[in-house]
């Protein structure tokens, strides 16, 4: 009897290992989230349905704007991370669907506020809510989504989740305020940049993973492991995102190249250049950046300087370091197809083109 049970467990492990190898093989050929989502697509579909219910409101304006927001599905990375982390521990309930939707709603609220501050006209290849409805309605809707998310989190039987979502919302707004206060500041240090993206981006990645662990009844040590994994993955994701603003293609990104720079966001490639260029080149670079409008020639000059002085290589290196930390952290947990999907997430954030 014991031998049959042992043989069955071995077959399950072998099947999981083969599934993981197949997943890796597909991802190496074509970096695509759909591949990583193969085993959780049904749950993600339920998250989409949950998000649509958030668009329902007797207030016609809230219903109209919310429907517009959630029509465009985006990458849904944060919900996917929460689902995968809950399934690491065999979770089979339903609460992870609501929590995944709430995490995505908080993310959406942060993007709405971002677009107001940056005066962004385009979001995910479409008009931003800010450009379509104006700043007054947009800021109120962002506030509404934040508050609604916290309110709905009260349905959770885990008090810790409510605290996490409240704390993370505060940290994200803190990061937004810090970024705004340093907008256009060419003296920003790398540590300040890393602190901002930790608060604005990595904190929600970390929360999604930690909440997945809590729902899945992970131990405290495992929960901390997931939170650290999410933090490092989020840091890698945002650094890569900032690099793509310089090296990406407009048609793929869904927004013009150098959008961040035009909005006053000083990111790692610029920080590296301003620190490492000689005095004469730094002066010329500063003159270009201080122009009210960046013409095509100035943009080309900026890109040439950044590419030739190693700024892109340095930024890629930093993203890779955080990605490697995330892989090392999650690898401490027992092997399963869900753990391997999380490991592959670390590779995906580096390979993505948008």
Protein backbone atom coordinates (compact mmCIF):
# COMPACT_ATOMS: atom_id res chain seq x y z
CA UNK A 1 0.00 0.00 0.00
CA UNK A 2 2.77 2.41 1.02
CA UNK A 3 4.68 1.54 -2.17
CA UNK A 4 1.62 2.34 -4.34
CA UNK A 5 1.18 5.71 -2.60
CA UNK A 6 4.88 6.47 -3.04
CA UNK A 7 4.75 5.48 -6.73
CA UNK A 8 1.71 7.71 -7.25
CA UNK A 9 3.50 10.67 -5.66
CA UNK A 10 6.56 10.07 -7.84
CA UNK A 11 4.38 10.00 -10.98
CA UNK A 12 2.71 13.28 -9.95
CA UNK A 13 6.10 14.93 -9.37
CA UNK A 14 7.40 13.65 -12.71
CA UNK A 15 4.30 14.97 -14.48
CA UNK A 16 4.72 18.36 -12.80
CA UNK A 17 8.39 18.46 -13.75
CA UNK A 18 7.55 17.67 -17.38
CA UNK A 19 4.84 20.35 -17.40
CA UNK A 20 7.36 22.86 -16.07
CA UNK A 21 9.89 21.91 -18.77
CA UNK A 22 7.23 22.33 -21.44
CA UNK A 23 6.34 25.73 -20.02
CA UNK A 24 9.98 26.85 -20.04
CA UNK A 25 10.46 25.62 -23.61
CA UNK A 26 7.43 27.59 -24.85
CA UNK A 27 8.49 30.73 -23.00
CA UNK A 28 12.02 30.62 -24.39
CA UNK A 29 10.61 30.54 -27.93
CA UNK A 30 8.03 33.30 -27.34
CA UNK A 31 7.92 35.49 -24.18
CA UNK A 32 4.16 35.63 -23.71
CA UNK A 33 2.00 35.96 -20.62
CA UNK A 34 -0.60 33.63 -22.13
CA UNK A 35 1.91 30.81 -21.74
CA UNK A 36 2.47 31.61 -18.06
CA UNK A 37 -1.29 31.84 -17.55
CA UNK A 38 -2.06 28.41 -19.04
CA UNK A 39 -2.85 26.78 -15.71
CA UNK A 40 -4.73 29.69 -14.14
CA UNK A 41 -6.69 31.10 -17.09
CA UNK A 42 -10.02 29.93 -15.72
CA UNK A 43 -9.40 31.83 -12.49
CA UNK A 44 -8.28 34.93 -14.39
CA UNK A 45 -11.52 34.81 -16.39
CA UNK A 46 -13.41 34.87 -13.09
CA UNK A 47 -11.35 37.89 -12.03
CA UNK A 48 -12.45 39.66 -15.22
CA UNK A 49 -16.06 38.95 -14.38
CA UNK A 50 -15.52 40.28 -10.86
CA UNK A 51 -13.97 43.48 -12.26
CA UNK A 52 -17.01 43.97 -14.50
CA UNK A 53 -19.26 43.87 -11.45
CA UNK A 54 -17.19 46.74 -10.00
CA UNK A 55 -18.31 48.79 -13.02
CA UNK A 56 -21.94 48.46 -12.01
CA UNK A 57 -23.30 51.55 -10.31
CA UNK A 58 -26.55 53.53 -10.15
CA UNK A 59 -24.34 56.54 -10.83
CA UNK A 60 -24.22 56.65 -14.64
CA UNK A 61 -20.91 58.50 -14.77
CA UNK A 62 -19.16 56.00 -12.46
CA UNK A 63 -20.60 53.12 -14.51
CA UNK A 64 -19.50 54.69 -17.81
CA UNK A 65 -15.93 55.50 -16.78
CA UNK A 66 -15.44 52.23 -14.87
CA UNK A 67 -16.66 50.19 -17.84
CA UNK A 68 -14.19 52.04 -20.07
CA UNK A 69 -11.38 51.32 -17.61
CA UNK A 70 -11.99 47.61 -17.22
CA UNK A 71 -12.73 46.92 -20.90
CA UNK A 72 -9.02 47.05 -21.59
CA UNK A 73 -7.72 44.02 -19.72
CA UNK A 74 -4.01 44.92 -19.57
CA UNK A 75 -1.47 42.34 -18.43
CA UNK A 76 -3.26 41.40 -15.17
CA UNK A 77 0.11 40.47 -13.68
CA UNK A 78 -0.82 41.27 -10.08
CA UNK A 79 -3.95 39.08 -10.06
CA UNK A 80 -1.97 36.29 -11.70
CA UNK A 81 0.71 36.48 -9.02
CA UNK A 82 -1.89 36.34 -6.24
CA UNK A 83 -3.58 33.33 -7.81
CA UNK A 84 -0.31 31.45 -8.40
CA UNK A 85 0.89 32.15 -4.85
CA UNK A 86 -2.38 30.86 -3.35
CA UNK A 87 -2.19 27.71 -5.49
CA UNK A 88 1.34 26.99 -4.28
CA UNK A 89 -0.34 25.69 -1.13
CA UNK A 90 -3.24 23.90 -2.79
CA UNK A 91 -5.88 26.57 -2.20
CA UNK A 92 -9.28 25.63 -3.67
CA UNK A 93 -11.65 28.30 -2.36
CA UNK A 94 -13.04 31.44 -4.00
CA UNK A 95 -11.64 34.32 -1.97
CA UNK A 96 -8.55 34.62 -4.19
CA UNK A 97 -10.80 35.82 -7.04
CA UNK A 98 -12.17 38.80 -5.09
CA UNK A 99 -8.74 39.65 -3.65
CA UNK A 100 -7.15 39.48 -7.11
CA UNK A 101 -9.79 41.86 -8.44
CA UNK A 102 -9.21 44.26 -5.53
CA UNK A 103 -5.45 44.28 -6.11
CA UNK A 104 -6.04 45.06 -9.80
CA UNK A 105 -8.50 47.82 -8.88
CA UNK A 106 -5.93 49.47 -6.61
CA UNK A 107 -3.41 49.24 -9.45
CA UNK A 108 -5.94 50.84 -11.82
CA UNK A 109 -6.63 53.65 -9.35
CA UNK A 110 -2.90 54.37 -9.14
CA UNK A 111 -2.64 54.56 -12.94
CA UNK A 112 -5.54 57.03 -13.07
CA UNK A 113 -3.78 59.31 -10.60
CA UNK A 114 -0.47 58.87 -12.46
CA UNK A 115 -2.04 60.06 -15.70
CA UNK A 116 -3.41 63.20 -14.05
CA UNK A 117 -0.05 64.12 -12.52
CA UNK A 118 1.89 63.32 -15.72
CA UNK A 119 -0.79 64.85 -17.97
CA UNK A 120 -0.70 61.62 -20.02
CA UNK A 121 -3.02 61.49 -23.00
CA UNK A 122 -2.54 57.78 -23.77
CA UNK A 123 -2.82 54.70 -21.57
CA UNK A 124 -2.50 51.17 -23.01
CA UNK A 125 -2.91 52.45 -26.56
CA UNK A 126 -6.17 54.34 -25.83
CA UNK A 127 -7.13 57.76 -24.53
CA UNK A 128 -6.47 57.99 -20.81
CA UNK A 129 -9.41 58.66 -18.52
CA UNK A 130 -7.77 61.99 -17.76
CA UNK A 131 -7.77 63.10 -21.41
CA UNK A 132 -11.25 61.71 -22.07
CA UNK A 133 -13.16 62.99 -19.01
CA UNK A 134 -10.89 65.67 -17.58
CA UNK A 135 -8.90 65.88 -14.31
CA UNK A 136 -11.78 66.63 -11.93
CA UNK A 137 -13.78 63.50 -12.73
CA UNK A 138 -10.62 61.42 -13.01
CA UNK A 139 -9.21 62.26 -9.59
CA UNK A 140 -12.58 61.58 -7.97
CA UNK A 141 -12.87 58.22 -9.73
CA UNK A 142 -9.35 57.26 -8.63
CA UNK A 143 -10.29 58.08 -5.03
CA UNK A 144 -13.55 56.15 -5.43
CA UNK A 145 -11.70 53.02 -6.61
CA UNK A 146 -9.19 53.17 -3.75
CA UNK A 147 -11.94 53.52 -1.15
CA UNK A 148 -14.15 50.87 -2.76
CA UNK A 149 -11.25 48.39 -2.78
CA UNK A 150 -10.56 48.86 0.93
CA UNK A 151 -14.30 48.66 1.68
CA UNK A 152 -14.71 45.37 -0.21
CA UNK A 153 -11.62 43.92 1.48
CA UNK A 154 -13.60 43.98 4.73
CA UNK A 155 -15.36 40.86 3.42
CA UNK A 156 -12.16 38.88 3.99
CA UNK A 157 -11.97 36.72 7.07
CA UNK A 158 -8.25 37.56 7.25
CA UNK A 159 -7.78 40.87 9.11
CA UNK A 160 -4.17 40.93 7.95
CA UNK A 161 -5.24 41.33 4.32
CA UNK A 162 -7.21 44.49 5.13
CA UNK A 163 -4.15 45.94 6.85
CA UNK A 164 -1.89 45.04 3.93
CA UNK A 165 -4.15 46.68 1.33
CA UNK A 166 -4.51 49.81 3.47
CA UNK A 167 -0.75 50.06 4.09
CA UNK A 168 0.08 49.44 0.44
CA UNK A 169 -2.34 52.10 -0.79
CA UNK A 170 -0.65 54.57 1.56
CA UNK A 171 2.83 53.54 0.37
CA UNK A 172 1.87 53.89 -3.29
CA UNK A 173 0.53 57.42 -2.76
CA UNK A 174 3.65 58.24 -0.72
CA UNK A 175 5.76 57.11 -3.69
CA UNK A 176 3.66 59.18 -6.09
CA UNK A 177 4.15 62.29 -3.94
CA UNK A 178 7.90 61.68 -3.74
CA UNK A 179 8.14 61.26 -7.50
CA UNK A 180 6.13 64.41 -8.09
CA UNK A 181 8.31 66.43 -5.72
CA UNK A 182 11.41 65.29 -7.64
CA UNK A 183 9.88 65.73 -11.12
CA UNK A 184 12.45 67.25 -13.47
CA UNK A 185 15.13 67.25 -10.76
CA UNK A 186 18.34 66.26 -12.54
CA UNK A 187 20.09 65.80 -9.19
CA UNK A 188 17.97 62.82 -8.11
CA UNK A 189 20.09 60.00 -6.66
CA UNK A 190 19.73 56.34 -7.59
CA UNK A 191 18.66 55.46 -4.04
CA UNK A 192 15.78 57.97 -4.30
CA UNK A 193 14.69 56.45 -7.61
CA UNK A 194 14.78 52.92 -6.16
CA UNK A 195 12.79 54.04 -3.11
CA UNK A 196 10.10 55.56 -5.35
CA UNK A 197 9.65 52.49 -7.54
CA UNK A 198 9.67 50.27 -4.47
CA UNK A 199 6.70 52.20 -3.10
CA UNK A 200 4.85 52.84 -6.36
CA UNK A 201 5.27 49.45 -8.05
CA UNK A 202 7.08 46.77 -6.06
CA UNK A 203 4.93 47.19 -2.94
CA UNK A 204 1.76 46.09 -4.77
CA UNK A 205 3.59 43.13 -6.37
CA UNK A 206 4.71 42.15 -2.88
CA UNK A 207 1.20 42.57 -1.44
CA UNK A 208 -0.36 40.42 -4.19
CA UNK A 209 2.08 37.58 -3.49
CA UNK A 210 1.76 37.85 0.30
CA UNK A 211 -2.05 37.89 0.16
CA UNK A 212 -1.95 34.77 -2.03
CA UNK A 213 0.13 33.09 0.65
CA UNK A 214 -2.20 34.16 3.46
CA UNK A 215 -5.25 32.79 1.62
CA UNK A 216 -3.36 29.58 0.90
CA UNK A 217 -2.50 29.25 4.61
CA UNK A 218 1.25 29.56 4.12
CA UNK A 219 3.51 29.59 7.17
CA UNK A 220 4.89 32.95 8.29
CA UNK A 221 8.26 32.06 6.80
CA UNK A 222 6.65 31.13 3.47
CA UNK A 223 4.54 34.28 3.55
CA UNK A 224 7.66 36.42 4.00
CA UNK A 225 9.35 34.53 1.19
CA UNK A 226 6.47 35.37 -1.16
CA UNK A 227 6.49 39.03 -0.10
CA UNK A 228 10.24 39.29 -0.79
CA UNK A 229 9.81 37.54 -4.12
CA UNK A 230 7.12 40.05 -5.10
CA UNK A 231 9.23 43.04 -4.07
CA UNK A 232 12.21 41.96 -6.17
CA UNK A 233 10.03 41.01 -9.11
CA UNK A 234 8.29 44.40 -8.96
CA UNK A 235 11.62 46.24 -8.87
CA UNK A 236 12.82 44.31 -11.91
CA UNK A 237 9.52 44.95 -13.68
CA UNK A 238 9.60 48.73 -13.16
CA UNK A 239 13.28 49.16 -14.05
CA UNK A 240 12.63 47.22 -17.26
CA UNK A 241 9.54 49.36 -17.88
CA UNK A 242 11.62 52.54 -17.50
CA UNK A 243 14.25 51.16 -19.86
CA UNK A 244 11.63 50.34 -22.49
CA UNK A 245 10.61 54.02 -22.49
CA UNK A 246 13.94 54.58 -24.27
CA UNK A 247 14.52 51.36 -26.16
CA UNK A 248 10.99 50.16 -27.00
CA UNK A 249 8.84 50.58 -30.10
CA UNK A 250 5.91 52.98 -30.00
CA UNK A 251 3.52 50.56 -31.73
CA UNK A 252 4.29 47.86 -29.19
CA UNK A 253 4.42 50.12 -26.11
CA UNK A 254 1.12 51.81 -26.94
CA UNK A 255 2.66 55.21 -26.15
CA UNK A 256 5.41 57.41 -27.65
CA UNK A 257 9.05 56.63 -26.80
CA UNK A 258 10.56 59.04 -24.22
CA UNK A 259 7.11 59.69 -22.71
CA UNK A 260 8.50 59.50 -19.17
CA UNK A 261 11.24 62.00 -19.95
CA UNK A 262 8.80 64.46 -21.52
CA UNK A 263 6.64 64.20 -18.38
CA UNK A 264 9.60 65.04 -16.14
CA UNK A 265 10.28 61.52 -14.81
CA UNK A 266 13.99 61.05 -14.22
CA UNK A 267 14.65 57.31 -14.37
CA UNK A 268 17.72 55.10 -14.03
CA UNK A 269 19.28 55.53 -17.52
CA UNK A 270 19.31 59.32 -17.00
CA UNK A 271 20.50 59.09 -13.40
CA UNK A 272 23.42 56.89 -14.47
CA UNK A 273 24.35 59.27 -17.31
CA UNK A 274 24.21 62.43 -15.22
CA UNK A 275 26.44 60.79 -12.61
CA UNK A 276 29.02 59.23 -14.94
CA UNK A 277 29.42 61.62 -17.89
CA UNK A 278 32.34 64.07 -17.91
CA UNK A 279 31.65 67.71 -17.07
CA UNK A 280 31.37 68.94 -20.65
CA UNK A 281 29.03 66.16 -21.79
CA UNK A 282 26.95 66.48 -18.63
CA UNK A 283 26.53 70.19 -19.29
CA UNK A 284 25.40 69.51 -22.87
CA UNK A 285 23.05 66.79 -21.70
CA UNK A 286 21.54 69.11 -19.10
CA UNK A 287 21.01 71.81 -21.75
CA UNK A 288 19.04 69.36 -23.89
CA UNK A 289 16.92 68.16 -20.97
CA UNK A 290 16.10 71.71 -19.89
CA UNK A 291 14.48 72.51 -23.23
CA UNK A 292 10.74 73.10 -23.00
CA UNK A 293 10.14 70.91 -26.04
CA UNK A 294 12.29 67.97 -27.14
CA UNK A 295 12.51 68.03 -30.92
CA UNK A 296 13.42 64.96 -32.96
CA UNK A 297 17.09 65.92 -33.16
CA UNK A 298 17.34 66.37 -29.37
CA UNK A 299 15.62 63.03 -28.77
CA UNK A 300 18.05 61.28 -31.10
CA UNK A 301 21.00 62.93 -29.35
CA UNK A 302 19.74 61.81 -25.94
CA UNK A 303 19.27 58.23 -27.11
CA UNK A 304 22.74 58.22 -28.69
CA UNK A 305 24.40 59.45 -25.48
CA UNK A 306 22.54 56.95 -23.30
CA UNK A 307 23.37 54.04 -25.58
CA UNK A 308 27.03 54.92 -26.06
CA UNK A 309 27.88 55.57 -22.39
CA UNK A 310 26.53 52.24 -21.11
CA UNK A 311 23.40 53.62 -19.41
CA UNK A 312 21.15 51.03 -21.05
CA UNK A 313 23.52 48.20 -20.13
CA UNK A 314 23.69 49.40 -16.53
CA UNK A 315 19.91 49.65 -16.26
CA UNK A 316 19.48 46.17 -17.72
CA UNK A 317 22.05 44.87 -15.25
CA UNK A 318 20.11 46.31 -12.28
CA UNK A 319 16.85 44.81 -13.56
CA UNK A 320 18.60 41.45 -13.93
CA UNK A 321 19.95 41.61 -10.37
CA UNK A 322 16.48 42.09 -8.90
CA UNK A 323 15.09 39.39 -11.18
CA UNK A 324 17.75 36.95 -9.99
CA UNK A 325 16.95 37.77 -6.35
CA UNK A 326 13.29 37.01 -6.99
CA UNK A 327 14.17 33.64 -8.54
CA UNK A 328 16.49 32.71 -5.69
CA UNK A 329 13.80 33.61 -3.15
CA UNK A 330 10.92 31.69 -4.73
CA UNK A 331 13.16 28.69 -5.43
CA UNK A 332 13.27 28.07 -1.67
CA UNK A 333 9.67 26.80 -1.82
CA UNK A 334 8.76 23.23 -2.81
CA UNK A 335 8.74 22.44 -6.53
CA UNK A 336 5.42 22.62 -8.37
CA UNK A 337 4.17 23.88 -11.70
CA UNK A 338 2.90 27.03 -9.96
CA UNK A 339 6.26 27.73 -8.34
CA UNK A 340 7.97 27.20 -11.69
CA UNK A 341 5.54 29.64 -13.32
CA UNK A 342 6.58 32.21 -10.70
CA UNK A 343 10.24 31.54 -11.47
CA UNK A 344 9.54 32.03 -15.17
CA UNK A 345 7.77 35.29 -14.37
CA UNK A 346 11.19 36.60 -13.35
CA UNK A 347 12.53 35.76 -16.81
CA UNK A 348 9.48 37.21 -18.52
CA UNK A 349 9.80 40.68 -16.97
CA UNK A 350 13.28 40.97 -18.44
CA UNK A 351 12.36 39.66 -21.88
CA UNK A 352 9.12 41.60 -22.39
CA UNK A 353 8.80 44.28 -25.06
CA UNK A 354 5.90 46.23 -23.52
